[in-house]
Amino acid sequence: SYSVVKKMFASGGIPSQFINFRNCNHNNPQQARKSTIVLGGVARQILNKVGVVIWWTHVPRGLPLPAVFVGVDVFHAPRQYDPQSKRKIAKPSVAAIVMQVVHGSGKSEWYTETFKRDAGQEYQLGEALEGTLKRGMSRLPMAKGKTIKSCIMWRDGVGDAAVGPTAKQEVPAVQRVFGASCPIAMLVCQKRIATKFFQANGQAMPQGLYVSGLSHLEYPTFYINGTCPPYATPKPVRYILARRDAALAKVSMADLTWDCCHDYPNWAGPIKVPSVCQLAHKLAEHAGNFTDSGDSIDHAKFANRLYFL
């Protein structure tokens, strides 16, 4: 019922917020701390859904502004049982593209879109990426008519063998929107890796650890420990720098990535990937649970609103 109601509101461009009162008894004084956390989280989500920027991070000074941050991720829906064929069949995957236009500290705009993809077509997102960026620049009031000075893209869901082909397809799509003079950097985020780092005494590495120069022959790579759980070994995220133009050579992609890990509006602290990448993951899963895989979402009415948190 949750996905059905959410789909109904999304098709009309109406932001919605569900609250489950079974999780906490807000009238019980013994659960006052839990109640404060839950209600604070609900208030945070509502503010973001109506277009309020509740916090932000400072980008490196060397990054030309206005800049566009792009996050791309793909949700692979589980197989569903088909009563006609009497077997499980693959449901279409959903690709989500999140665009953040950064005008300065605390001045950002957001635009998002989703695309249904059949199995095996998850990497063919050049046309979708180009269309999303064009529509975002025309539908966001502050970005309309502006000349973008730089673009950074974080791409999730890409294996080592597909880094080169994906960059060759998606980077030209960005150039067709912002022009050849706009410097572009593209980073591939890999979370499902077996690499872990330990200190000499056997303890886990601290949060925010940065390690570079490992495990890739063709592209520069670095690792960042986004989290540090107290009773488990943290697993870092590997970032592969698939493309960086000369105009962005002085901008530290590791520092920018770590700064954007603090910008996720639904969590008061750092996460494992930049905010636009996590938002794309959240949106792809949100639309992937709809019966039509997100085709009914009115993206134009949700411009500059993170309605899916």
Protein backbone atom coordinates (compact mmCIF):
# COMPACT_ATOMS: atom_id res chain seq x y z
CA SER A 1 0.00 0.00 0.00
CA TYR A 2 2.93 2.37 0.69
CA SER A 3 4.27 2.20 -2.87
CA VAL A 4 0.75 2.50 -4.33
CA VAL A 5 -0.02 5.70 -2.43
CA LYS A 6 3.44 7.10 -3.11
CA LYS A 7 2.98 6.45 -6.82
CA MET A 8 -0.37 8.25 -6.76
CA PHE A 9 1.14 11.36 -5.15
CA ALA A 10 4.24 11.25 -7.38
CA SER A 11 2.14 11.21 -10.55
CA GLY A 12 0.48 14.43 -9.42
CA GLY A 13 3.66 16.13 -8.28
CA ILE A 14 2.52 16.24 -4.65
CA PRO A 15 5.15 15.81 -1.89
CA SER A 16 4.10 13.36 0.82
CA GLN A 17 5.40 12.20 4.18
CA PHE A 18 4.43 8.98 5.91
CA ILE A 19 4.73 8.59 9.69
CA ASN A 20 4.57 5.23 11.46
CA PHE A 21 3.46 5.82 15.05
CA ARG A 22 4.06 2.19 15.97
CA ASN A 23 7.82 2.71 16.18
CA CYS A 24 7.68 5.03 19.17
CA ASN A 25 5.24 6.02 21.90
CA HIS A 26 5.68 9.78 21.88
CA ASN A 27 3.57 10.17 25.03
CA ASN A 28 5.90 7.98 27.09
CA PRO A 29 8.47 10.07 29.03
CA GLN A 30 10.88 7.13 28.99
CA GLN A 31 11.02 7.36 25.19
CA ALA A 32 11.47 11.12 25.09
CA ARG A 33 14.96 10.91 23.56
CA LYS A 34 13.82 8.49 20.87
CA SER A 35 10.79 10.66 20.19
CA THR A 36 13.01 13.70 19.68
CA ILE A 37 15.19 11.81 17.19
CA VAL A 38 12.22 10.48 15.24
CA LEU A 39 10.37 13.79 15.09
CA GLY A 40 13.57 15.62 14.17
CA GLY A 41 14.10 13.23 11.28
CA VAL A 42 10.54 13.71 10.08
CA ALA A 43 10.88 17.50 10.24
CA ARG A 44 14.17 17.29 8.32
CA GLN A 45 12.57 15.25 5.55
CA ILE A 46 9.56 17.55 5.27
CA LEU A 47 11.77 20.63 4.95
CA ASN A 48 13.81 19.02 2.18
CA LYS A 49 10.69 17.91 0.35
CA VAL A 50 9.42 21.48 0.10
CA GLY A 51 12.74 22.83 -1.19
CA VAL A 52 14.53 24.06 1.96
CA VAL A 53 18.33 23.63 2.11
CA ILE A 54 18.85 22.78 5.78
CA TRP A 55 22.66 22.53 5.66
CA TRP A 56 25.51 22.59 3.19
CA THR A 57 29.28 22.22 2.91
CA HIS A 58 31.87 24.59 1.49
CA VAL A 59 33.34 23.48 -1.82
CA PRO A 60 37.08 23.96 -2.49
CA ARG A 61 37.95 27.50 -3.51
CA GLY A 62 39.61 26.39 -6.73
CA LEU A 63 36.38 24.91 -8.11
CA PRO A 64 34.87 27.24 -10.75
CA LEU A 65 31.29 28.27 -9.90
CA PRO A 66 28.50 27.87 -10.75
CA ALA A 67 29.18 24.13 -10.80
CA VAL A 68 26.99 21.12 -11.46
CA PHE A 69 27.30 17.94 -9.38
CA VAL A 70 25.74 14.85 -10.92
CA GLY A 71 24.98 11.53 -9.22
CA VAL A 72 23.96 8.43 -11.20
CA ASP A 73 22.91 5.04 -9.86
CA VAL A 74 20.86 2.05 -11.03
CA PHE A 75 18.41 -0.04 -9.02
CA HIS A 76 18.13 -3.69 -10.04
CA ALA A 77 14.67 -4.88 -9.06
CA PRO A 78 14.36 -8.48 -7.78
CA ARG A 79 12.72 -11.04 -10.04
CA GLN A 80 8.95 -11.35 -9.74
CA TYR A 81 6.75 -14.39 -10.23
CA ASP A 82 4.73 -14.38 -13.45
CA PRO A 83 1.50 -16.44 -13.12
CA GLN A 84 1.26 -16.87 -16.89
CA SER A 85 4.69 -18.35 -17.46
CA LYS A 86 4.77 -19.80 -13.91
CA ARG A 87 8.31 -18.67 -13.31
CA LYS A 88 10.17 -15.65 -12.03
CA ILE A 89 10.92 -13.01 -14.64
CA ALA A 90 13.20 -9.99 -14.51
CA LYS A 91 11.59 -6.66 -13.71
CA PRO A 92 13.05 -3.60 -15.51
CA SER A 93 15.84 -1.78 -13.74
CA VAL A 94 15.57 1.90 -12.85
CA ALA A 95 18.31 4.46 -13.41
CA ALA A 96 18.21 7.66 -11.38
CA ILE A 97 20.03 10.89 -12.21
CA VAL A 98 20.37 13.63 -9.59
CA MET A 99 21.60 17.07 -10.60
CA GLN A 100 22.77 19.68 -8.09
CA VAL A 101 23.57 23.19 -9.31
CA VAL A 102 25.92 24.86 -6.82
CA HIS A 103 25.90 28.65 -7.02
CA GLY A 104 27.78 29.22 -3.76
CA SER A 105 27.72 28.32 -0.08
CA GLY A 106 24.13 27.53 0.84
CA LYS A 107 22.85 28.31 -2.66
CA SER A 108 22.00 25.07 -4.44
CA GLU A 109 19.21 23.76 -6.65
CA TRP A 110 18.23 20.16 -7.32
CA TYR A 111 16.68 18.35 -10.24
CA THR A 112 16.03 14.62 -10.56
CA GLU A 113 14.72 12.15 -13.11
CA THR A 114 14.36 8.37 -13.40
CA PHE A 115 14.50 6.07 -16.41
CA LYS A 116 13.30 2.52 -16.88
CA ARG A 117 15.87 0.19 -18.39
CA ASP A 118 15.64 -3.43 -19.47
CA ALA A 119 18.21 -5.90 -18.22
CA GLY A 120 21.56 -5.32 -19.89
CA GLN A 121 20.85 -1.67 -20.84
CA GLU A 122 21.84 -0.08 -17.52
CA TYR A 123 25.05 1.38 -18.99
CA GLN A 124 23.35 3.12 -21.93
CA LEU A 125 22.53 6.36 -20.12
CA GLY A 126 24.15 8.97 -22.38
CA GLU A 127 20.89 10.16 -23.93
CA ALA A 128 19.08 10.10 -20.57
CA LEU A 129 21.87 12.07 -18.93
CA GLU A 130 21.88 14.70 -21.66
CA GLY A 131 18.11 15.14 -21.49
CA THR A 132 18.06 15.40 -17.69
CA LEU A 133 20.74 18.09 -17.61
CA LYS A 134 19.03 20.12 -20.34
CA ARG A 135 15.64 19.96 -18.65
CA GLY A 136 17.19 20.73 -15.26
CA MET A 137 18.89 23.87 -16.56
CA SER A 138 15.61 25.09 -18.05
CA ARG A 139 13.38 24.24 -15.07
CA LEU A 140 15.52 25.53 -12.19
CA PRO A 141 14.96 29.28 -11.75
CA MET A 142 18.45 30.25 -10.55
CA ALA A 143 20.23 28.06 -13.11
CA LYS A 144 18.19 29.16 -16.12
CA GLY A 145 20.38 31.11 -18.53
CA LYS A 146 23.55 30.62 -16.44
CA THR A 147 26.86 29.44 -17.91
CA ILE A 148 28.14 26.43 -15.98
CA LYS A 149 31.85 26.75 -15.20
CA SER A 150 32.53 23.13 -14.11
CA CYS A 151 30.82 19.75 -13.79
CA ILE A 152 31.68 16.85 -11.47
CA MET A 153 29.93 13.51 -11.88
CA TRP A 154 29.92 10.57 -9.46
CA ARG A 155 28.80 7.35 -11.15
CA ASP A 156 27.79 4.32 -9.10
CA GLY A 157 27.12 0.78 -10.27
CA VAL A 158 30.03 0.44 -12.73
CA GLY A 159 32.55 -2.41 -12.67
CA ASP A 160 36.22 -2.19 -13.60
CA ALA A 161 35.70 -3.45 -17.15
CA ALA A 162 32.97 -0.88 -17.85
CA VAL A 163 34.74 2.25 -16.55
CA GLY A 164 36.21 3.22 -19.92
CA PRO A 165 33.12 2.55 -22.08
CA THR A 166 30.85 4.32 -19.59
CA ALA A 167 33.06 7.42 -19.53
CA LYS A 168 33.25 7.49 -23.35
CA GLN A 169 29.46 7.50 -23.56
CA GLU A 170 28.43 9.76 -20.69
CA VAL A 171 31.12 12.47 -20.72
CA PRO A 172 30.29 13.57 -24.30
CA ALA A 173 26.63 13.76 -23.24
CA VAL A 174 27.59 16.28 -20.54
CA GLN A 175 29.71 18.24 -23.02
CA ARG A 176 26.78 18.54 -25.41
CA VAL A 177 24.83 20.32 -22.67
CA PHE A 178 27.46 22.60 -21.11
CA GLY A 179 29.84 22.98 -24.08
CA ALA A 180 33.38 21.82 -24.72
CA SER A 181 34.80 24.71 -22.68
CA CYS A 182 33.23 23.44 -19.44
CA PRO A 183 35.79 21.32 -17.53
CA ILE A 184 34.47 17.91 -16.50
CA ALA A 185 35.55 15.31 -13.97
CA MET A 186 34.00 11.86 -13.66
CA LEU A 187 34.50 9.52 -10.72
CA VAL A 188 33.25 5.94 -10.45
CA CYS A 189 32.21 4.84 -6.95
CA GLN A 190 32.71 1.18 -6.07
CA LYS A 191 31.24 0.05 -2.73
CA ARG A 192 31.20 -3.72 -3.20
CA ILE A 193 34.91 -4.33 -2.78
CA ALA A 194 36.92 -6.63 -0.55
CA THR A 195 39.59 -4.08 0.41
CA LYS A 196 39.95 -3.11 4.06
CA PHE A 197 42.61 -1.11 5.88
CA PHE A 198 43.99 -1.69 9.37
CA GLN A 199 46.45 0.08 11.60
CA ALA A 200 49.70 -1.58 12.66
CA ASN A 201 48.16 -2.50 16.03
CA GLY A 202 45.26 -4.26 14.29
CA GLN A 203 42.65 -1.60 14.95
CA ALA A 204 40.39 -0.29 12.19
CA MET A 205 41.21 2.94 10.42
CA PRO A 206 39.43 6.12 11.54
CA GLN A 207 36.60 7.87 9.76
CA GLY A 208 37.71 10.02 6.85
CA LEU A 209 40.79 7.94 6.06
CA TYR A 210 42.24 8.72 2.62
CA VAL A 211 44.39 6.20 0.72
CA SER A 212 45.55 6.73 -2.85
CA GLY A 213 47.56 4.99 -5.56
CA LEU A 214 46.28 1.42 -5.25
CA SER A 215 44.63 -1.31 -7.35
CA HIS A 216 44.13 0.23 -10.80
CA LEU A 217 46.55 0.38 -13.70
CA GLU A 218 44.66 2.66 -16.08
CA TYR A 219 43.09 5.31 -13.85
CA PRO A 220 44.04 7.16 -10.65
CA THR A 221 42.19 5.77 -7.64
CA PHE A 222 41.69 6.61 -3.99
CA TYR A 223 39.80 5.16 -1.03
CA ILE A 224 37.78 6.95 1.63
CA ASN A 225 36.49 5.50 4.89
CA GLY A 226 33.16 7.24 5.13
CA THR A 227 32.03 5.53 8.32
CA CYS A 228 33.69 3.98 11.37
CA PRO A 229 31.34 1.57 13.20
CA PRO A 230 32.38 0.86 16.80
CA TYR A 231 31.93 -2.94 16.66
CA ALA A 232 32.74 -3.78 13.05
CA THR A 233 35.46 -3.29 10.46
CA PRO A 234 34.68 -0.35 8.15
CA LYS A 235 34.68 -1.02 4.43
CA PRO A 236 35.97 1.91 2.36
CA VAL A 237 34.65 3.10 -0.98
CA ARG A 238 36.98 3.03 -3.96
CA TYR A 239 36.83 6.04 -6.29
CA ILE A 240 38.20 5.71 -9.82
CA LEU A 241 38.98 8.98 -11.55
CA ALA A 242 37.85 8.12 -15.07
CA ARG A 243 38.14 11.67 -16.42
CA ARG A 244 39.52 15.01 -15.25
CA ASP A 245 40.12 17.97 -17.53
CA ALA A 246 43.22 20.13 -17.12
CA ALA A 247 41.21 23.08 -15.75
CA LEU A 248 40.34 20.96 -12.69
CA ALA A 249 43.87 19.68 -12.09
CA LYS A 250 44.32 21.87 -9.00
CA VAL A 251 41.01 20.80 -7.45
CA SER A 252 41.45 17.88 -5.07
CA MET A 253 38.81 15.34 -6.06
CA ALA A 254 39.34 13.50 -2.77
CA ASP A 255 38.68 16.64 -0.71
CA LEU A 256 35.65 17.53 -2.82
CA THR A 257 34.28 14.00 -2.52
CA TRP A 258 34.73 13.95 1.26
CA ASP A 259 33.12 17.39 1.57
CA CYS A 260 30.09 16.19 -0.43
CA CYS A 261 29.81 13.14 1.85
CA HIS A 262 28.76 15.60 4.58
CA ASP A 263 26.07 17.21 2.41
CA TYR A 264 23.45 14.44 2.47
CA PRO A 265 20.26 16.15 3.69
CA ASN A 266 18.77 13.06 5.36
CA TRP A 267 21.65 12.34 7.74
CA ALA A 268 23.41 14.64 10.20
CA GLY A 269 26.93 13.43 9.53
CA PRO A 270 29.15 11.95 6.83
CA ILE A 271 28.07 9.04 4.63
CA LYS A 272 30.09 6.69 2.42
CA VAL A 273 29.46 8.42 -0.92
CA PRO A 274 28.75 12.02 -2.02
CA SER A 275 25.24 13.27 -1.41
CA VAL A 276 24.20 13.35 -5.09
CA CYS A 277 25.25 9.71 -5.46
CA GLN A 278 23.34 8.60 -2.35
CA LEU A 279 20.30 10.58 -3.47
CA ALA A 280 20.43 8.81 -6.84
CA HIS A 281 20.55 5.47 -5.03
CA LYS A 282 17.57 6.45 -2.88
CA LEU A 283 15.55 7.73 -5.84
CA ALA A 284 16.27 4.67 -8.01
CA GLU A 285 15.09 2.34 -5.26
CA HIS A 286 12.04 4.53 -4.61
CA ALA A 287 10.95 4.49 -8.26
CA GLY A 288 11.93 0.84 -8.71
CA ASN A 289 9.29 -0.22 -6.19
CA PHE A 290 6.51 1.34 -8.26
CA THR A 291 4.52 -0.94 -10.52
CA ASP A 292 5.46 1.19 -13.55
CA SER A 293 9.10 1.61 -12.45
CA GLY A 294 8.69 5.37 -12.01
CA ASP A 295 7.25 6.24 -15.42
CA SER A 296 4.35 8.12 -13.80
CA ILE A 297 6.51 10.53 -11.75
CA ASP A 298 6.00 14.18 -12.70
CA HIS A 299 9.61 15.35 -12.59
CA ALA A 300 8.82 18.89 -13.72
CA LYS A 301 6.62 19.57 -10.68
CA PHE A 302 9.29 18.16 -8.37
CA ALA A 303 12.03 20.50 -9.62
CA ASN A 304 14.19 21.68 -6.69
CA ARG A 305 12.39 19.29 -4.31
CA LEU A 306 13.88 16.13 -2.85
CA TYR A 307 10.47 14.48 -2.63
CA PHE A 308 11.75 10.90 -2.26
CA LEU A 309 13.57 11.15 1.10
